[in-house]
Amino acid sequence: PQGPIFNQSQLCDWKASYSDLILVCGHYEGIDERFLSLCVDQELSIGPYIVSGGELPALVFVDALVRTLPGVLGNPQSVTEESLERGVLKYPQYTRPREFQGEC
């Protein structure tokens, strides 16, 4: 992994700064440094661990970006009211049924 660790704030900056994005996915040892210096504006990492290629990190980025586009989520407030928009990690969620295996 190299580049800054991807976060919600960075996503908002990229969305505001770029109208077009091309994602280049490294595989195994990464991408030739000459290509990076000549052709790449920014790099990102999704964390300090290793996966076999950049396709899954690219998918994480695309999913995070697409959910911010108008009409993608059923409720537009879901994007602006998300806890990570305020820099806070998610709080516990409880769904139905109200009681699950003796827990309420």
C-alpha atoms as a PDB file:
ATOM      1  CA  PRO A   1       0.000   0.000   0.000  1.00  0.00           C
ATOM      2  CA  GLN A   2       1.168   3.479  -0.772  1.00  0.00           C
ATOM      3  CA  GLY A   3      -0.451   6.867  -0.829  1.00  0.00           C
ATOM      4  CA  PRO A   4      -2.619   8.506   1.805  1.00  0.00           C
ATOM      5  CA  ILE A   5      -5.212   6.298   3.468  1.00  0.00           C
ATOM      6  CA  PHE A   6      -8.566   6.901   1.826  1.00  0.00           C
ATOM      7  CA  ASN A   7     -11.220   8.528   4.009  1.00  0.00           C
ATOM      8  CA  GLN A   8     -14.549  10.329   3.667  1.00  0.00           C
ATOM      9  CA  SER A   9     -12.981  13.784   3.722  1.00  0.00           C
ATOM     10  CA  GLN A  10     -10.614  12.847   0.910  1.00  0.00           C
ATOM     11  CA  LEU A  11     -13.554  11.475  -1.081  1.00  0.00           C
ATOM     12  CA  CYS A  12     -15.365  14.815  -0.787  1.00  0.00           C
ATOM     13  CA  ASP A  13     -12.228  16.683  -1.895  1.00  0.00           C
ATOM     14  CA  TRP A  14     -11.758  14.443  -4.920  1.00  0.00           C
ATOM     15  CA  LYS A  15     -15.424  14.704  -5.881  1.00  0.00           C
ATOM     16  CA  ALA A  16     -15.203  18.508  -5.774  1.00  0.00           C
ATOM     17  CA  SER A  17     -11.859  18.658  -7.614  1.00  0.00           C
ATOM     18  CA  TYR A  18     -12.312  16.198 -10.471  1.00  0.00           C
ATOM     19  CA  SER A  19     -15.035  15.745 -13.056  1.00  0.00           C
ATOM     20  CA  ASP A  20     -13.370  12.644 -14.534  1.00  0.00           C
ATOM     21  CA  LEU A  21     -11.428   9.912 -12.802  1.00  0.00           C
ATOM     22  CA  ILE A  22      -9.315   7.100 -14.168  1.00  0.00           C
ATOM     23  CA  LEU A  23      -8.370   4.454 -11.631  1.00  0.00           C
ATOM     24  CA  VAL A  24      -5.198   2.503 -12.288  1.00  0.00           C
ATOM     25  CA  CYS A  25      -4.940  -0.731 -10.330  1.00  0.00           C
ATOM     26  CA  GLY A  26      -1.577  -2.217  -9.490  1.00  0.00           C
ATOM     27  CA  HIS A  27      -1.102  -5.939  -9.212  1.00  0.00           C
ATOM     28  CA  TYR A  28       1.321  -7.765  -6.880  1.00  0.00           C
ATOM     29  CA  GLU A  29       4.335  -5.434  -6.719  1.00  0.00           C
ATOM     30  CA  GLY A  30       2.464  -2.347  -7.919  1.00  0.00           C
ATOM     31  CA  ILE A  31       2.914   0.033 -10.828  1.00  0.00           C
ATOM     32  CA  ASP A  32       6.070   1.187 -12.563  1.00  0.00           C
ATOM     33  CA  GLU A  33       7.338   4.316 -10.799  1.00  0.00           C
ATOM     34  CA  ARG A  34       7.940   6.079 -14.132  1.00  0.00           C
ATOM     35  CA  PHE A  35       4.264   5.734 -15.013  1.00  0.00           C
ATOM     36  CA  LEU A  36       3.300   7.044 -11.563  1.00  0.00           C
ATOM     37  CA  SER A  37       5.494  10.120 -11.874  1.00  0.00           C
ATOM     38  CA  LEU A  38       4.385  10.902 -15.432  1.00  0.00           C
ATOM     39  CA  CYS A  39       0.686  10.011 -15.416  1.00  0.00           C
ATOM     40  CA  VAL A  40      -0.770   9.831 -11.910  1.00  0.00           C
ATOM     41  CA  ASP A  41      -2.137  12.872 -10.086  1.00  0.00           C
ATOM     42  CA  GLN A  42      -2.928  11.185  -6.775  1.00  0.00           C
ATOM     43  CA  GLU A  43      -2.571   7.816  -5.095  1.00  0.00           C
ATOM     44  CA  LEU A  44      -4.641   6.280  -2.347  1.00  0.00           C
ATOM     45  CA  SER A  45      -4.528   3.344  -0.009  1.00  0.00           C
ATOM     46  CA  ILE A  46      -7.430   1.665   1.750  1.00  0.00           C
ATOM     47  CA  GLY A  47      -5.253   0.548   4.636  1.00  0.00           C
ATOM     48  CA  PRO A  48      -1.984  -0.977   5.799  1.00  0.00           C
ATOM     49  CA  TYR A  49      -2.561  -4.505   4.556  1.00  0.00           C
ATOM     50  CA  ILE A  50      -1.902  -6.403   1.348  1.00  0.00           C
ATOM     51  CA  VAL A  51      -4.343  -7.667  -1.259  1.00  0.00           C
ATOM     52  CA  SER A  52      -3.252  -9.301  -4.510  1.00  0.00           C
ATOM     53  CA  GLY A  53      -4.315  -6.424  -6.721  1.00  0.00           C
ATOM     54  CA  GLY A  54      -5.730  -2.932  -6.791  1.00  0.00           C
ATOM     55  CA  GLU A  55      -9.115  -4.013  -8.140  1.00  0.00           C
ATOM     56  CA  LEU A  56     -10.760  -4.444  -4.726  1.00  0.00           C
ATOM     57  CA  PRO A  57      -9.459  -1.134  -3.354  1.00  0.00           C
ATOM     58  CA  ALA A  58     -10.707   0.523  -6.563  1.00  0.00           C
ATOM     59  CA  LEU A  59     -14.123  -1.053  -6.000  1.00  0.00           C
ATOM     60  CA  VAL A  60     -14.181   0.327  -2.444  1.00  0.00           C
ATOM     61  CA  PHE A  61     -13.433   3.798  -3.823  1.00  0.00           C
ATOM     62  CA  VAL A  62     -16.063   3.525  -6.569  1.00  0.00           C
ATOM     63  CA  ASP A  63     -18.726   2.310  -4.130  1.00  0.00           C
ATOM     64  CA  ALA A  64     -17.971   5.158  -1.698  1.00  0.00           C
ATOM     65  CA  LEU A  65     -18.109   7.678  -4.538  1.00  0.00           C
ATOM     66  CA  VAL A  66     -21.235   6.374  -6.275  1.00  0.00           C
ATOM     67  CA  ARG A  67     -23.314   6.410  -3.080  1.00  0.00           C
ATOM     68  CA  THR A  68     -22.763  10.199  -2.916  1.00  0.00           C
ATOM     69  CA  LEU A  69     -24.277  10.817  -6.369  1.00  0.00           C
ATOM     70  CA  PRO A  70     -27.804  12.245  -6.509  1.00  0.00           C
ATOM     71  CA  GLY A  71     -30.517   9.593  -6.823  1.00  0.00           C
ATOM     72  CA  VAL A  72     -28.350   6.623  -5.854  1.00  0.00           C
ATOM     73  CA  LEU A  73     -29.622   6.367  -2.285  1.00  0.00           C
ATOM     74  CA  GLY A  74     -33.345   6.385  -1.571  1.00  0.00           C
ATOM     75  CA  ASN A  75     -33.027   9.237   0.915  1.00  0.00           C
ATOM     76  CA  PRO A  76     -30.657  12.105  -0.034  1.00  0.00           C
ATOM     77  CA  GLN A  77     -30.157  12.913   3.664  1.00  0.00           C
ATOM     78  CA  SER A  78     -28.494   9.521   4.095  1.00  0.00           C
ATOM     79  CA  VAL A  79     -25.363  10.989   2.519  1.00  0.00           C
ATOM     80  CA  THR A  80     -25.197  14.220   4.529  1.00  0.00           C
ATOM     81  CA  GLU A  81     -26.300  12.736   7.847  1.00  0.00           C
ATOM     82  CA  GLU A  82     -23.833   9.835   7.799  1.00  0.00           C
ATOM     83  CA  SER A  83     -21.692   9.825  10.951  1.00  0.00           C
ATOM     84  CA  LEU A  84     -18.447   9.724   8.963  1.00  0.00           C
ATOM     85  CA  GLU A  85     -19.374  13.071   7.398  1.00  0.00           C
ATOM     86  CA  ARG A  86     -18.734  14.455  10.903  1.00  0.00           C
ATOM     87  CA  GLY A  87     -15.598  12.346  11.421  1.00  0.00           C
ATOM     88  CA  VAL A  88     -17.305   9.938  13.829  1.00  0.00           C
ATOM     89  CA  LEU A  89     -17.303   6.160  13.486  1.00  0.00           C
ATOM     90  CA  LYS A  90     -20.605   4.326  13.325  1.00  0.00           C
ATOM     91  CA  TYR A  91     -22.655   3.691  16.440  1.00  0.00           C
ATOM     92  CA  PRO A  92     -24.428   0.362  17.198  1.00  0.00           C
ATOM     93  CA  GLN A  93     -27.424  -0.427  14.983  1.00  0.00           C
ATOM     94  CA  TYR A  94     -30.475  -2.456  15.977  1.00  0.00           C
ATOM     95  CA  THR A  95     -32.982  -3.833  13.489  1.00  0.00           C
ATOM     96  CA  ARG A  96     -35.952  -6.183  13.678  1.00  0.00           C
ATOM     97  CA  PRO A  97     -36.986  -8.293  15.416  1.00  0.00           C
ATOM     98  CA  ARG A  98     -36.878  -6.163  18.569  1.00  0.00           C
ATOM     99  CA  GLU A  99     -35.708  -9.200  20.554  1.00  0.00           C
ATOM    100  CA  PHE A 100     -33.006 -11.487  19.129  1.00  0.00           C
ATOM    101  CA  GLN A 101     -31.822 -14.562  21.004  1.00  0.00           C
ATOM    102  CA  GLY A 102     -32.975 -13.064  24.293  1.00  0.00           C
ATOM    103  CA  GLU A 103     -31.312  -9.695  23.675  1.00  0.00           C
ATOM    104  CA  CYS A 104     -33.327  -6.476  23.283  1.00  0.00           C
END
